[in-house]
Amino acid sequence: RNLADYSHELGMQFALSVFHIEGIKEVADYVDYLKIASGDITFKQLIVEAAGTRLPVVISTGASTLREISDAVEWFTSAGGSIKDLTLLQCTLAYPTRIEDANVGSIQVLKQSFPEVKVGVSDHIPDPSPTRFIATRTLGASFFEKHFTDDRSAPGNDHYHAFSTSEFAE
């Protein structure tokens, strides 16, 4: 909650990835949107619960099939979530992702398959070069997820491909 308040003081939105239904209930009153990780795109109950909050929801597609993505969109809207409040993220499940493996062209597939849904990218490339952000925006991405760390050598699976403060500034 303190991070959410601080983010809001800075004029930024605040969101959290949720991995269980109780987590949604714990954070729904102070997040601006909910994030569902690619590994949970087939977790119907989680998506339905997220839709019930009436918050915007971002779902990472990871290694999903188009059928699994379609099912997730259907569960979300059938549970009362607004299609205008849903964003699908193109995501490559390689940590870190090499730029040549980023598959940003699949943004167009998502846009064609789900024309009413906003599309973005979940980026796991450690290089701060802006080229891919320009390319993904050109392809229609309107949402960019990038991991942040204050210590790339910290333990865990996100730090080594996350951006540092100076990389975000760049």
N, C-alpha and C. Protein backbone atom coordinates (compact mmCIF):
# COMPACT_ATOMS: atom_id res chain seq x y z
N ARG A 1 0.83 -1.19 0.00
CA ARG A 1 0.00 0.00 0.00
C ARG A 1 0.88 1.26 0.00
N ASN A 2 1.99 1.22 0.74
CA ASN A 2 2.89 2.38 0.77
C ASN A 2 3.47 2.67 -0.61
N LEU A 3 3.84 1.62 -1.35
CA LEU A 3 4.35 1.82 -2.70
C LEU A 3 3.28 2.39 -3.62
N ALA A 4 2.05 1.94 -3.47
CA ALA A 4 0.95 2.46 -4.27
C ALA A 4 0.75 3.95 -3.97
N ASP A 5 0.74 4.30 -2.70
CA ASP A 5 0.56 5.71 -2.32
C ASP A 5 1.69 6.57 -2.88
N TYR A 6 2.92 6.06 -2.78
CA TYR A 6 4.07 6.81 -3.29
C TYR A 6 3.99 6.96 -4.81
N SER A 7 3.62 5.90 -5.49
CA SER A 7 3.46 5.96 -6.95
C SER A 7 2.42 7.01 -7.33
N HIS A 8 1.32 7.01 -6.63
CA HIS A 8 0.26 7.97 -6.92
C HIS A 8 0.71 9.41 -6.64
N GLU A 9 1.50 9.61 -5.58
CA GLU A 9 2.06 10.94 -5.30
C GLU A 9 2.93 11.42 -6.45
N LEU A 10 3.61 10.49 -7.12
CA LEU A 10 4.47 10.82 -8.25
C LEU A 10 3.69 10.92 -9.56
N GLY A 11 2.38 10.68 -9.52
CA GLY A 11 1.56 10.75 -10.72
C GLY A 11 1.64 9.51 -11.58
N MET A 12 2.07 8.39 -10.98
CA MET A 12 2.20 7.13 -11.71
C MET A 12 1.12 6.16 -11.26
N GLN A 13 0.77 5.25 -12.17
CA GLN A 13 -0.14 4.17 -11.80
C GLN A 13 0.63 3.10 -11.04
N PHE A 14 -0.12 2.30 -10.30
CA PHE A 14 0.49 1.22 -9.54
C PHE A 14 -0.29 -0.07 -9.79
N ALA A 15 0.42 -1.14 -10.07
CA ALA A 15 -0.21 -2.44 -10.31
C ALA A 15 0.63 -3.54 -9.69
N LEU A 16 0.00 -4.66 -9.52
CA LEU A 16 0.70 -5.84 -9.01
C LEU A 16 0.28 -7.06 -9.81
N SER A 17 1.20 -7.99 -9.97
CA SER A 17 0.84 -9.29 -10.51
C SER A 17 0.17 -10.08 -9.40
N VAL A 18 -0.93 -10.71 -9.74
CA VAL A 18 -1.64 -11.52 -8.75
C VAL A 18 -1.56 -12.98 -9.19
N PHE A 19 -1.37 -13.86 -8.21
CA PHE A 19 -1.17 -15.27 -8.51
C PHE A 19 -2.20 -16.17 -7.83
N HIS A 20 -3.04 -15.58 -7.01
CA HIS A 20 -4.09 -16.36 -6.35
C HIS A 20 -5.28 -15.45 -6.06
N ILE A 21 -6.43 -16.02 -5.91
CA ILE A 21 -7.66 -15.26 -5.73
C ILE A 21 -7.60 -14.38 -4.50
N GLU A 22 -7.04 -14.88 -3.42
CA GLU A 22 -6.94 -14.08 -2.20
C GLU A 22 -6.09 -12.84 -2.45
N GLY A 23 -5.09 -12.96 -3.31
CA GLY A 23 -4.25 -11.81 -3.64
C GLY A 23 -5.03 -10.70 -4.30
N ILE A 24 -5.97 -11.05 -5.14
CA ILE A 24 -6.82 -10.04 -5.79
C ILE A 24 -7.61 -9.29 -4.73
N LYS A 25 -8.20 -10.03 -3.81
CA LYS A 25 -9.00 -9.40 -2.76
C LYS A 25 -8.15 -8.50 -1.87
N GLU A 26 -6.89 -8.87 -1.66
CA GLU A 26 -6.01 -8.09 -0.78
C GLU A 26 -5.60 -6.75 -1.39
N VAL A 27 -5.48 -6.68 -2.72
CA VAL A 27 -4.90 -5.48 -3.34
C VAL A 27 -5.88 -4.65 -4.16
N ALA A 28 -7.07 -5.16 -4.40
CA ALA A 28 -8.00 -4.51 -5.34
C ALA A 28 -8.37 -3.08 -4.96
N ASP A 29 -8.30 -2.74 -3.68
CA ASP A 29 -8.73 -1.40 -3.29
C ASP A 29 -7.63 -0.35 -3.44
N TYR A 30 -6.40 -0.72 -3.81
CA TYR A 30 -5.37 0.31 -3.96
C TYR A 30 -4.53 0.20 -5.24
N VAL A 31 -4.79 -0.79 -6.08
CA VAL A 31 -4.06 -0.87 -7.36
C VAL A 31 -4.91 -0.19 -8.45
N ASP A 32 -4.22 0.28 -9.48
CA ASP A 32 -4.91 0.90 -10.61
C ASP A 32 -5.32 -0.14 -11.64
N TYR A 33 -4.62 -1.23 -11.68
CA TYR A 33 -4.98 -2.36 -12.54
C TYR A 33 -4.31 -3.61 -11.99
N LEU A 34 -4.76 -4.75 -12.47
CA LEU A 34 -4.21 -6.04 -12.06
C LEU A 34 -3.45 -6.66 -13.22
N LYS A 35 -2.40 -7.38 -12.91
CA LYS A 35 -1.61 -8.07 -13.93
C LYS A 35 -1.71 -9.57 -13.67
N ILE A 36 -2.00 -10.31 -14.73
CA ILE A 36 -2.03 -11.77 -14.66
C ILE A 36 -0.88 -12.28 -15.50
N ALA A 37 -0.01 -13.05 -14.87
CA ALA A 37 1.18 -13.57 -15.53
C ALA A 37 0.81 -14.61 -16.57
N SER A 38 1.69 -14.79 -17.53
CA SER A 38 1.42 -15.72 -18.63
C SER A 38 1.18 -17.14 -18.13
N GLY A 39 1.81 -17.52 -17.05
CA GLY A 39 1.61 -18.86 -16.52
C GLY A 39 0.21 -19.10 -15.97
N ASP A 40 -0.54 -18.02 -15.77
CA ASP A 40 -1.90 -18.13 -15.23
C ASP A 40 -2.98 -17.82 -16.26
N ILE A 41 -2.63 -17.76 -17.53
CA ILE A 41 -3.62 -17.42 -18.55
C ILE A 41 -4.71 -18.49 -18.68
N THR A 42 -4.44 -19.70 -18.20
CA THR A 42 -5.46 -20.76 -18.23
C THR A 42 -6.13 -20.94 -16.86
N PHE A 43 -5.85 -20.05 -15.91
CA PHE A 43 -6.43 -20.10 -14.57
C PHE A 43 -7.75 -19.31 -14.60
N LYS A 44 -8.78 -19.98 -15.07
CA LYS A 44 -10.09 -19.33 -15.30
C LYS A 44 -10.60 -18.61 -14.06
N GLN A 45 -10.55 -19.25 -12.93
CA GLN A 45 -11.08 -18.68 -11.70
C GLN A 45 -10.37 -17.36 -11.35
N LEU A 46 -9.08 -17.28 -11.59
CA LEU A 46 -8.32 -16.06 -11.31
C LEU A 46 -8.75 -14.93 -12.25
N ILE A 47 -8.93 -15.25 -13.52
CA ILE A 47 -9.34 -14.25 -14.51
C ILE A 47 -10.76 -13.77 -14.22
N VAL A 48 -11.64 -14.67 -13.88
CA VAL A 48 -13.02 -14.31 -13.54
C VAL A 48 -13.05 -13.40 -12.30
N GLU A 49 -12.27 -13.74 -11.31
CA GLU A 49 -12.21 -12.92 -10.09
C GLU A 49 -11.65 -11.53 -10.40
N ALA A 50 -10.62 -11.47 -11.23
CA ALA A 50 -10.05 -10.17 -11.62
C ALA A 50 -11.08 -9.34 -12.37
N ALA A 51 -11.83 -9.95 -13.27
CA ALA A 51 -12.87 -9.23 -14.02
C ALA A 51 -13.92 -8.67 -13.06
N GLY A 52 -14.23 -9.40 -12.03
CA GLY A 52 -15.24 -8.98 -11.06
C GLY A 52 -14.87 -7.73 -10.28
N THR A 53 -13.61 -7.37 -10.25
CA THR A 53 -13.19 -6.15 -9.55
C THR A 53 -13.55 -4.89 -10.33
N ARG A 54 -13.80 -5.04 -11.62
CA ARG A 54 -14.06 -3.93 -12.54
C ARG A 54 -12.82 -3.05 -12.74
N LEU A 55 -11.67 -3.55 -12.31
CA LEU A 55 -10.41 -2.86 -12.58
C LEU A 55 -9.91 -3.24 -13.97
N PRO A 56 -9.10 -2.39 -14.59
CA PRO A 56 -8.43 -2.84 -15.81
C PRO A 56 -7.54 -4.04 -15.49
N VAL A 57 -7.41 -4.94 -16.45
CA VAL A 57 -6.60 -6.15 -16.27
C VAL A 57 -5.66 -6.30 -17.46
N VAL A 58 -4.43 -6.63 -17.14
CA VAL A 58 -3.40 -6.89 -18.13
C VAL A 58 -3.04 -8.36 -18.03
N ILE A 59 -3.11 -9.06 -19.17
CA ILE A 59 -2.78 -10.49 -19.19
C ILE A 59 -1.61 -10.72 -20.12
N SER A 60 -0.57 -11.31 -19.59
CA SER A 60 0.59 -11.65 -20.40
C SER A 60 0.33 -12.97 -21.10
N THR A 61 0.69 -13.05 -22.38
CA THR A 61 0.35 -14.23 -23.17
C THR A 61 1.44 -15.29 -23.19
N GLY A 62 2.69 -14.93 -22.93
CA GLY A 62 3.76 -15.91 -22.84
C GLY A 62 3.73 -16.96 -23.93
N ALA A 63 3.72 -18.21 -23.54
CA ALA A 63 3.74 -19.33 -24.49
C ALA A 63 2.33 -19.82 -24.81
N SER A 64 1.35 -18.96 -24.66
CA SER A 64 -0.04 -19.35 -24.88
C SER A 64 -0.35 -19.59 -26.35
N THR A 65 -1.34 -20.41 -26.57
CA THR A 65 -1.89 -20.57 -27.92
C THR A 65 -2.96 -19.51 -28.12
N LEU A 66 -3.32 -19.27 -29.37
CA LEU A 66 -4.40 -18.32 -29.64
C LEU A 66 -5.71 -18.79 -29.00
N ARG A 67 -5.93 -20.10 -28.94
CA ARG A 67 -7.13 -20.64 -28.30
C ARG A 67 -7.15 -20.30 -26.81
N GLU A 68 -6.01 -20.45 -26.14
CA GLU A 68 -5.94 -20.12 -24.71
C GLU A 68 -6.16 -18.63 -24.47
N ILE A 69 -5.61 -17.80 -25.34
CA ILE A 69 -5.80 -16.36 -25.23
C ILE A 69 -7.27 -16.02 -25.45
N SER A 70 -7.88 -16.62 -26.46
CA SER A 70 -9.29 -16.41 -26.75
C SER A 70 -10.16 -16.81 -25.56
N ASP A 71 -9.84 -17.94 -24.96
CA ASP A 71 -10.59 -18.39 -23.77
C ASP A 71 -10.47 -17.36 -22.65
N ALA A 72 -9.28 -16.85 -22.41
CA ALA A 72 -9.06 -15.87 -21.34
C ALA A 72 -9.87 -14.60 -21.60
N VAL A 73 -9.89 -14.14 -22.84
CA VAL A 73 -10.68 -12.95 -23.20
C VAL A 73 -12.16 -13.23 -22.95
N GLU A 74 -12.63 -14.40 -23.34
CA GLU A 74 -14.03 -14.77 -23.15
C GLU A 74 -14.38 -14.85 -21.66
N TRP A 75 -13.52 -15.47 -20.85
CA TRP A 75 -13.78 -15.56 -19.41
C TRP A 75 -13.88 -14.18 -18.80
N PHE A 76 -12.96 -13.30 -19.21
CA PHE A 76 -12.92 -11.94 -18.67
C PHE A 76 -14.21 -11.19 -18.98
N THR A 77 -14.61 -11.20 -20.24
CA THR A 77 -15.80 -10.44 -20.63
C THR A 77 -17.08 -11.09 -20.11
N SER A 78 -17.14 -12.41 -20.08
CA SER A 78 -18.33 -13.10 -19.57
C SER A 78 -18.54 -12.86 -18.08
N ALA A 79 -17.45 -12.56 -17.37
CA ALA A 79 -17.55 -12.30 -15.93
C ALA A 79 -17.81 -10.83 -15.64
N GLY A 80 -18.08 -10.04 -16.68
CA GLY A 80 -18.42 -8.64 -16.48
C GLY A 80 -17.31 -7.66 -16.71
N GLY A 81 -16.13 -8.15 -17.07
CA GLY A 81 -15.03 -7.23 -17.37
C GLY A 81 -15.28 -6.54 -18.70
N SER A 82 -14.92 -5.27 -18.76
CA SER A 82 -15.10 -4.52 -19.99
C SER A 82 -13.93 -4.78 -20.94
N ILE A 83 -14.25 -5.08 -22.20
CA ILE A 83 -13.22 -5.34 -23.20
C ILE A 83 -12.29 -4.13 -23.31
N LYS A 84 -12.80 -2.93 -23.00
CA LYS A 84 -11.99 -1.71 -23.05
C LYS A 84 -10.97 -1.66 -21.92
N ASP A 85 -11.17 -2.48 -20.89
CA ASP A 85 -10.27 -2.52 -19.74
C ASP A 85 -9.32 -3.71 -19.78
N LEU A 86 -9.20 -4.35 -20.92
CA LEU A 86 -8.33 -5.52 -21.04
C LEU A 86 -7.17 -5.21 -21.97
N THR A 87 -5.98 -5.60 -21.54
CA THR A 87 -4.77 -5.47 -22.36
C THR A 87 -4.08 -6.82 -22.41
N LEU A 88 -3.71 -7.25 -23.61
CA LEU A 88 -2.93 -8.48 -23.80
C LEU A 88 -1.49 -8.10 -24.09
N LEU A 89 -0.57 -8.75 -23.40
CA LEU A 89 0.84 -8.47 -23.61
C LEU A 89 1.51 -9.58 -24.39
N GLN A 90 2.16 -9.21 -25.48
CA GLN A 90 3.04 -10.14 -26.19
C GLN A 90 4.22 -10.35 -25.26
N CYS A 91 4.60 -11.59 -25.07
CA CYS A 91 5.66 -11.91 -24.13
C CYS A 91 6.45 -13.10 -24.65
N THR A 92 7.75 -13.00 -24.59
CA THR A 92 8.61 -14.13 -24.93
C THR A 92 9.16 -14.71 -23.64
N LEU A 93 8.92 -15.99 -23.42
CA LEU A 93 9.34 -16.63 -22.17
C LEU A 93 10.78 -17.10 -22.26
N ALA A 94 11.67 -16.16 -22.35
CA ALA A 94 13.11 -16.42 -22.28
C ALA A 94 13.67 -15.32 -21.41
N TYR A 95 14.40 -15.70 -20.38
CA TYR A 95 14.89 -14.72 -19.41
C TYR A 95 16.41 -14.84 -19.30
N PRO A 96 17.16 -13.86 -19.76
CA PRO A 96 16.70 -12.70 -20.51
C PRO A 96 16.39 -13.09 -21.96
N THR A 97 15.67 -12.23 -22.64
CA THR A 97 15.33 -12.46 -24.04
C THR A 97 16.35 -11.77 -24.92
N ARG A 98 16.88 -12.51 -25.89
CA ARG A 98 17.75 -11.87 -26.88
C ARG A 98 16.86 -11.10 -27.84
N ILE A 99 17.32 -9.97 -28.30
CA ILE A 99 16.49 -9.11 -29.16
C ILE A 99 16.00 -9.85 -30.40
N GLU A 100 16.84 -10.75 -30.95
CA GLU A 100 16.44 -11.49 -32.14
C GLU A 100 15.37 -12.55 -31.85
N ASP A 101 15.14 -12.83 -30.57
CA ASP A 101 14.11 -13.80 -30.18
C ASP A 101 12.83 -13.14 -29.65
N ALA A 102 12.76 -11.84 -29.68
CA ALA A 102 11.65 -11.12 -29.04
C ALA A 102 10.30 -11.32 -29.73
N ASN A 103 10.29 -11.69 -31.00
CA ASN A 103 9.06 -12.00 -31.72
C ASN A 103 8.02 -10.87 -31.63
N VAL A 104 8.48 -9.63 -31.81
CA VAL A 104 7.55 -8.50 -31.69
C VAL A 104 6.51 -8.50 -32.81
N GLY A 105 6.76 -9.20 -33.90
CA GLY A 105 5.77 -9.29 -34.98
C GLY A 105 4.47 -9.93 -34.52
N SER A 106 4.52 -10.71 -33.44
CA SER A 106 3.29 -11.34 -32.96
C SER A 106 2.31 -10.32 -32.37
N ILE A 107 2.77 -9.09 -32.16
CA ILE A 107 1.85 -8.02 -31.74
C ILE A 107 0.76 -7.86 -32.79
N GLN A 108 1.13 -7.93 -34.05
CA GLN A 108 0.14 -7.81 -35.12
C GLN A 108 -0.86 -8.95 -35.10
N VAL A 109 -0.41 -10.14 -34.77
CA VAL A 109 -1.32 -11.29 -34.68
C VAL A 109 -2.34 -11.05 -33.57
N LEU A 110 -1.89 -10.55 -32.43
CA LEU A 110 -2.81 -10.25 -31.33
C LEU A 110 -3.80 -9.16 -31.73
N LYS A 111 -3.32 -8.13 -32.39
CA LYS A 111 -4.20 -7.04 -32.81
C LYS A 111 -5.24 -7.51 -33.82
N GLN A 112 -4.84 -8.37 -34.73
CA GLN A 112 -5.78 -8.90 -35.73
C GLN A 112 -6.77 -9.88 -35.11
N SER A 113 -6.29 -10.69 -34.18
CA SER A 113 -7.15 -11.70 -33.57
C SER A 113 -8.12 -11.13 -32.55
N PHE A 114 -7.72 -10.04 -31.90
CA PHE A 114 -8.53 -9.43 -30.84
C PHE A 114 -8.58 -7.91 -31.06
N PRO A 115 -9.27 -7.47 -32.11
CA PRO A 115 -9.22 -6.06 -32.51
C PRO A 115 -9.77 -5.07 -31.48
N GLU A 116 -10.60 -5.52 -30.56
CA GLU A 116 -11.17 -4.61 -29.57
C GLU A 116 -10.32 -4.51 -28.31
N VAL A 117 -9.27 -5.33 -28.22
CA VAL A 117 -8.45 -5.39 -27.02
C VAL A 117 -7.16 -4.61 -27.24
N LYS A 118 -6.74 -3.87 -26.21
CA LYS A 118 -5.45 -3.18 -26.28
C LYS A 118 -4.34 -4.23 -26.24
N VAL A 119 -3.25 -3.93 -26.93
CA VAL A 119 -2.12 -4.86 -27.00
C VAL A 119 -0.86 -4.15 -26.55
N GLY A 120 -0.02 -4.88 -25.86
CA GLY A 120 1.25 -4.33 -25.40
C GLY A 120 2.32 -5.38 -25.46
N VAL A 121 3.42 -5.09 -24.77
CA VAL A 121 4.55 -6.00 -24.76
C VAL A 121 5.13 -6.09 -23.36
N SER A 122 5.48 -7.31 -22.98
CA SER A 122 6.20 -7.57 -21.74
C SER A 122 7.64 -7.84 -22.14
N ASP A 123 8.52 -6.95 -21.79
CA ASP A 123 9.89 -6.95 -22.30
C ASP A 123 10.87 -7.52 -21.27
N HIS A 124 11.66 -8.50 -21.70
CA HIS A 124 12.67 -9.11 -20.83
C HIS A 124 14.06 -9.00 -21.44
N ILE A 125 14.27 -7.99 -22.30
CA ILE A 125 15.55 -7.77 -22.95
C ILE A 125 16.36 -6.82 -22.08
N PRO A 126 17.58 -7.20 -21.70
CA PRO A 126 18.36 -6.34 -20.80
C PRO A 126 18.96 -5.10 -21.46
N ASP A 127 19.07 -5.07 -22.77
CA ASP A 127 19.65 -3.93 -23.49
C ASP A 127 18.70 -2.74 -23.46
N PRO A 128 19.15 -1.57 -22.97
CA PRO A 128 18.25 -0.42 -22.88
C PRO A 128 18.01 0.33 -24.20
N SER A 129 18.57 -0.14 -25.29
CA SER A 129 18.35 0.53 -26.58
C SER A 129 16.86 0.69 -26.85
N PRO A 130 16.43 1.88 -27.29
CA PRO A 130 14.99 2.13 -27.50
C PRO A 130 14.43 1.54 -28.79
N THR A 131 15.24 0.93 -29.62
CA THR A 131 14.79 0.47 -30.93
C THR A 131 13.56 -0.43 -30.84
N ARG A 132 13.57 -1.40 -29.94
CA ARG A 132 12.43 -2.32 -29.87
C ARG A 132 11.17 -1.65 -29.37
N PHE A 133 11.31 -0.63 -28.52
CA PHE A 133 10.13 0.08 -28.05
C PHE A 133 9.51 0.88 -29.19
N ILE A 134 10.36 1.45 -30.03
CA ILE A 134 9.87 2.16 -31.21
C ILE A 134 9.19 1.18 -32.16
N ALA A 135 9.82 0.02 -32.37
CA ALA A 135 9.25 -0.99 -33.28
C ALA A 135 7.91 -1.50 -32.76
N THR A 136 7.83 -1.80 -31.47
CA THR A 136 6.58 -2.35 -30.93
C THR A 136 5.48 -1.29 -30.94
N ARG A 137 5.82 -0.04 -30.72
CA ARG A 137 4.81 1.02 -30.79
C ARG A 137 4.31 1.17 -32.22
N THR A 138 5.23 1.07 -33.17
CA THR A 138 4.86 1.15 -34.58
C THR A 138 3.93 0.01 -34.97
N LEU A 139 4.13 -1.16 -34.37
CA LEU A 139 3.28 -2.31 -34.65
C LEU A 139 1.94 -2.25 -33.92
N GLY A 140 1.76 -1.27 -33.05
CA GLY A 140 0.48 -1.08 -32.40
C GLY A 140 0.45 -1.28 -30.89
N ALA A 141 1.59 -1.53 -30.28
CA ALA A 141 1.61 -1.70 -28.83
C ALA A 141 1.31 -0.37 -28.14
N SER A 142 0.44 -0.42 -27.16
CA SER A 142 0.10 0.79 -26.41
C SER A 142 0.44 0.66 -24.94
N PHE A 143 1.04 -0.45 -24.56
CA PHE A 143 1.38 -0.73 -23.16
C PHE A 143 2.74 -1.39 -23.15
N PHE A 144 3.61 -0.94 -22.26
CA PHE A 144 4.96 -1.51 -22.17
C PHE A 144 5.25 -1.89 -20.74
N GLU A 145 5.59 -3.15 -20.54
CA GLU A 145 5.96 -3.63 -19.22
C GLU A 145 7.46 -3.89 -19.23
N LYS A 146 8.14 -3.30 -18.27
CA LYS A 146 9.58 -3.51 -18.12
C LYS A 146 9.88 -3.68 -16.65
N HIS A 147 10.63 -4.70 -16.31
CA HIS A 147 10.99 -4.96 -14.93
C HIS A 147 12.04 -3.94 -14.47
N PHE A 148 11.98 -3.57 -13.21
CA PHE A 148 12.90 -2.61 -12.60
C PHE A 148 13.61 -3.27 -11.44
N THR A 149 14.88 -2.94 -11.26
CA THR A 149 15.62 -3.40 -10.10
C THR A 149 16.60 -2.32 -9.66
N ASP A 150 16.93 -2.34 -8.40
CA ASP A 150 17.99 -1.46 -7.92
C ASP A 150 19.29 -2.23 -7.74
N ASP A 151 19.26 -3.54 -8.10
CA ASP A 151 20.46 -4.36 -7.99
C ASP A 151 20.36 -5.56 -8.92
N ARG A 152 21.03 -5.48 -10.07
CA ARG A 152 20.98 -6.58 -11.04
C ARG A 152 21.59 -7.88 -10.52
N SER A 153 22.42 -7.79 -9.50
CA SER A 153 23.05 -9.00 -8.96
C SER A 153 22.22 -9.63 -7.84
N ALA A 154 21.08 -9.06 -7.52
CA ALA A 154 20.24 -9.61 -6.45
C ALA A 154 19.69 -10.98 -6.86
N PRO A 155 19.42 -11.84 -5.90
CA PRO A 155 18.86 -13.16 -6.23
C PRO A 155 17.44 -13.03 -6.77
N GLY A 156 17.04 -14.02 -7.54
CA GLY A 156 15.69 -14.03 -8.11
C GLY A 156 15.76 -14.03 -9.62
N ASN A 157 14.64 -14.34 -10.26
CA ASN A 157 14.66 -14.51 -11.72
C ASN A 157 14.34 -13.24 -12.50
N ASP A 158 14.14 -12.12 -11.87
CA ASP A 158 13.83 -10.91 -12.60
C ASP A 158 14.95 -9.88 -12.62
N HIS A 159 15.82 -9.87 -11.65
CA HIS A 159 16.80 -8.80 -11.51
C HIS A 159 17.79 -8.71 -12.67
N TYR A 160 18.27 -9.83 -13.15
CA TYR A 160 19.36 -9.78 -14.13
C TYR A 160 18.93 -9.27 -15.50
N HIS A 161 17.65 -9.25 -15.81
CA HIS A 161 17.20 -8.69 -17.09
C HIS A 161 16.41 -7.40 -16.90
N ALA A 162 16.28 -6.95 -15.67
CA ALA A 162 15.53 -5.73 -15.39
C ALA A 162 16.38 -4.50 -15.68
N PHE A 163 15.72 -3.36 -15.81
CA PHE A 163 16.44 -2.10 -15.99
C PHE A 163 16.79 -1.51 -14.63
N SER A 164 17.94 -0.89 -14.59
CA SER A 164 18.35 -0.12 -13.42
C SER A 164 17.78 1.29 -13.53
N THR A 165 17.97 2.08 -12.51
CA THR A 165 17.49 3.47 -12.53
C THR A 165 18.09 4.23 -13.71
N SER A 166 19.38 4.07 -13.93
CA SER A 166 20.04 4.82 -15.02
C SER A 166 19.55 4.34 -16.39
N GLU A 167 19.27 3.05 -16.53
CA GLU A 167 18.76 2.54 -17.80
C GLU A 167 17.35 3.06 -18.07
N PHE A 168 16.53 3.16 -17.03
CA PHE A 168 15.20 3.74 -17.23
C PHE A 168 15.31 5.20 -17.62
N ALA A 169 16.24 5.91 -17.01
CA ALA A 169 16.43 7.32 -17.35
C ALA A 169 16.85 7.47 -18.80
N GLU A 170 17.71 6.55 -19.26
CA GLU A 170 18.15 6.57 -20.65
C GLU A 170 16.99 6.36 -21.59
